[in-house]
Every structure is written in C-alpha cells, then in structure tokens.
C-alpha cells in the first residue's frame, strides 16, 4: 500500500482501493456502469484532514483511524454496507 499526500480520483467505480496513510485531500470514486454490480472495498491506514466521496455505494470501509478537525472533511456515499476501525 502507498501513502497518499494530496488526493485520488477514479472516474469510474473501483473494486478495491487500499492506501496506507492519507494526509489531506479528497478521495473520489466515480459511478458504476448501468449493468455493473461492483461495490468498492476501501481500506485505509491513518486518515487526517481528508474526505471520501463515492458516487457508488461502498461495500466496506476500513480505517486505522480518521482524524479531522475541520468541517469540510466528510464521508459521502449513497450507503456503506459495513465500516470498521482497526486498533493500532
């Protein structure tokens, strides 16, 4: 897994997104096609001052920790089937 220091944008749905630490910026996942049943599985390390915006429902969101102090940082998706925070 790689660290992300700015942002990430996928113009279409992704099956799996795995990143180590995320420091700032927007993680953006685009829409899926009409017949596409793919739901993304998102696994992140420590997230700070970042947002997640998915135009596709998320199957799973797993993070080590998510630390935001500003109101602009948020998680947006039609729904998230499961979410978890892993302990260090």
C-alpha atoms as a PDB file:
ATOM      1  CA  UNK A   1       0.000   0.000   0.000  1.00  0.00           C
ATOM      2  CA  UNK A   2       1.117   3.550  -0.680  1.00  0.00           C
ATOM      3  CA  UNK A   3       0.742   6.790   1.292  1.00  0.00           C
ATOM      4  CA  UNK A   4      -1.480   9.486  -0.228  1.00  0.00           C
ATOM      5  CA  UNK A   5      -0.487  13.115   0.357  1.00  0.00           C
ATOM      6  CA  UNK A   6      -2.901  15.017  -1.877  1.00  0.00           C
ATOM      7  CA  UNK A   7      -5.957  13.406  -3.463  1.00  0.00           C
ATOM      8  CA  UNK A   8      -7.138  10.459  -5.508  1.00  0.00           C
ATOM      9  CA  UNK A   9      -9.822  10.419  -8.193  1.00  0.00           C
ATOM     10  CA  UNK A  10     -11.185   7.409 -10.066  1.00  0.00           C
ATOM     11  CA  UNK A  11     -13.514   8.376 -12.915  1.00  0.00           C
ATOM     12  CA  UNK A  12     -15.362   5.058 -12.575  1.00  0.00           C
ATOM     13  CA  UNK A  13     -16.006   2.561  -9.800  1.00  0.00           C
ATOM     14  CA  UNK A  14     -13.060   0.598  -8.381  1.00  0.00           C
ATOM     15  CA  UNK A  15     -13.310  -2.889  -6.886  1.00  0.00           C
ATOM     16  CA  UNK A  16     -10.626  -2.371  -4.236  1.00  0.00           C
ATOM     17  CA  UNK A  17      -8.873   0.759  -3.015  1.00  0.00           C
ATOM     18  CA  UNK A  18      -6.103   0.167  -0.469  1.00  0.00           C
ATOM     19  CA  UNK A  19      -3.945   3.034   0.785  1.00  0.00           C
ATOM     20  CA  UNK A  20      -1.616   3.289   3.764  1.00  0.00           C
ATOM     21  CA  UNK A  21      -1.800   6.774   5.313  1.00  0.00           C
ATOM     22  CA  UNK A  22      -3.861   9.592   3.808  1.00  0.00           C
ATOM     23  CA  UNK A  23      -2.943  13.170   4.704  1.00  0.00           C
ATOM     24  CA  UNK A  24      -5.329  15.741   3.262  1.00  0.00           C
ATOM     25  CA  UNK A  25      -7.272  15.975   0.040  1.00  0.00           C
ATOM     26  CA  UNK A  26     -10.265  14.204  -1.438  1.00  0.00           C
ATOM     27  CA  UNK A  27     -10.641  10.531  -2.272  1.00  0.00           C
ATOM     28  CA  UNK A  28     -13.198  10.367  -5.064  1.00  0.00           C
ATOM     29  CA  UNK A  29     -14.762   7.232  -6.558  1.00  0.00           C
ATOM     30  CA  UNK A  30     -16.867   7.654  -9.692  1.00  0.00           C
ATOM     31  CA  UNK A  31     -20.113   5.978 -10.716  1.00  0.00           C
ATOM     32  CA  UNK A  32     -20.501   2.417 -11.919  1.00  0.00           C
ATOM     33  CA  UNK A  33     -21.999   1.499 -15.288  1.00  0.00           C
ATOM     34  CA  UNK A  34     -25.677   0.615 -15.662  1.00  0.00           C
ATOM     35  CA  UNK A  35     -25.115  -3.165 -15.509  1.00  0.00           C
ATOM     36  CA  UNK A  36     -22.051  -3.061 -13.256  1.00  0.00           C
ATOM     37  CA  UNK A  37     -22.670  -4.554  -9.791  1.00  0.00           C
ATOM     38  CA  UNK A  38     -19.229  -3.644  -8.415  1.00  0.00           C
ATOM     39  CA  UNK A  39     -19.195  -2.167  -4.900  1.00  0.00           C
ATOM     40  CA  UNK A  40     -15.856  -0.774  -3.744  1.00  0.00           C
ATOM     41  CA  UNK A  41     -13.949  -2.171  -0.765  1.00  0.00           C
ATOM     42  CA  UNK A  42     -11.926   0.704   0.726  1.00  0.00           C
ATOM     43  CA  UNK A  43      -9.070   0.016   3.167  1.00  0.00           C
ATOM     44  CA  UNK A  44      -7.119   2.955   4.562  1.00  0.00           C
ATOM     45  CA  UNK A  45      -4.465   3.442   7.219  1.00  0.00           C
ATOM     46  CA  UNK A  46      -4.400   6.635   9.271  1.00  0.00           C
ATOM     47  CA  UNK A  47      -6.530   9.349   7.630  1.00  0.00           C
ATOM     48  CA  UNK A  48      -6.081  13.023   8.533  1.00  0.00           C
ATOM     49  CA  UNK A  49      -7.948  16.040   7.179  1.00  0.00           C
ATOM     50  CA  UNK A  50      -9.330  14.154   4.181  1.00  0.00           C
ATOM     51  CA  UNK A  51     -12.731  13.438   2.645  1.00  0.00           C
ATOM     52  CA  UNK A  52     -14.206  10.433   0.864  1.00  0.00           C
ATOM     53  CA  UNK A  53     -16.817  10.948  -1.839  1.00  0.00           C
ATOM     54  CA  UNK A  54     -18.171   7.868  -3.612  1.00  0.00           C
ATOM     55  CA  UNK A  55     -20.783   8.065  -6.360  1.00  0.00           C
ATOM     56  CA  UNK A  56     -21.222   4.315  -5.863  1.00  0.00           C
ATOM     57  CA  UNK A  57     -22.450   2.601  -2.668  1.00  0.00           C
ATOM     58  CA  UNK A  58     -19.474   1.294  -0.682  1.00  0.00           C
ATOM     59  CA  UNK A  59     -19.364  -2.376   0.317  1.00  0.00           C
ATOM     60  CA  UNK A  60     -16.775  -1.907   3.065  1.00  0.00           C
ATOM     61  CA  UNK A  61     -14.817   0.972   4.596  1.00  0.00           C
ATOM     62  CA  UNK A  62     -11.995   0.048   6.971  1.00  0.00           C
ATOM     63  CA  UNK A  63      -9.560   2.531   8.534  1.00  0.00           C
ATOM     64  CA  UNK A  64      -6.923   2.518  11.257  1.00  0.00           C
ATOM     65  CA  UNK A  65      -8.059   5.980  12.386  1.00  0.00           C
ATOM     66  CA  UNK A  66      -9.797   9.001  10.871  1.00  0.00           C
ATOM     67  CA  UNK A  67      -8.829  12.374  12.332  1.00  0.00           C
ATOM     68  CA  UNK A  68     -10.492  15.540  11.062  1.00  0.00           C
ATOM     69  CA  UNK A  69     -10.679  18.906  12.783  1.00  0.00           C
ATOM     70  CA  UNK A  70     -12.351  20.929  10.024  1.00  0.00           C
ATOM     71  CA  UNK A  71     -15.998  20.830   8.938  1.00  0.00           C
ATOM     72  CA  UNK A  72     -15.058  20.425   5.258  1.00  0.00           C
ATOM     73  CA  UNK A  73     -13.712  16.899   5.804  1.00  0.00           C
ATOM     74  CA  UNK A  74     -16.505  14.338   5.410  1.00  0.00           C
ATOM     75  CA  UNK A  75     -17.584  10.930   4.122  1.00  0.00           C
ATOM     76  CA  UNK A  76     -20.243  10.903   1.398  1.00  0.00           C
ATOM     77  CA  UNK A  77     -21.770   7.797  -0.221  1.00  0.00           C
ATOM     78  CA  UNK A  78     -25.267   6.537  -1.035  1.00  0.00           C
ATOM     79  CA  UNK A  79     -24.632   3.900   1.633  1.00  0.00           C
ATOM     80  CA  UNK A  80     -21.830   1.955   3.298  1.00  0.00           C
ATOM     81  CA  UNK A  81     -22.658  -1.696   3.970  1.00  0.00           C
ATOM     82  CA  UNK A  82     -20.027  -2.115   6.690  1.00  0.00           C
ATOM     83  CA  UNK A  83     -17.403   0.054   8.330  1.00  0.00           C
ATOM     84  CA  UNK A  84     -14.709  -0.644  10.881  1.00  0.00           C
ATOM     85  CA  UNK A  85     -11.787   0.941  12.624  1.00  0.00           C
ATOM     86  CA  UNK A  86      -8.755  -1.229  13.280  1.00  0.00           C
ATOM     87  CA  UNK A  87      -6.832  -0.722  16.504  1.00  0.00           C
ATOM     88  CA  UNK A  88      -3.134   0.087  16.309  1.00  0.00           C
END
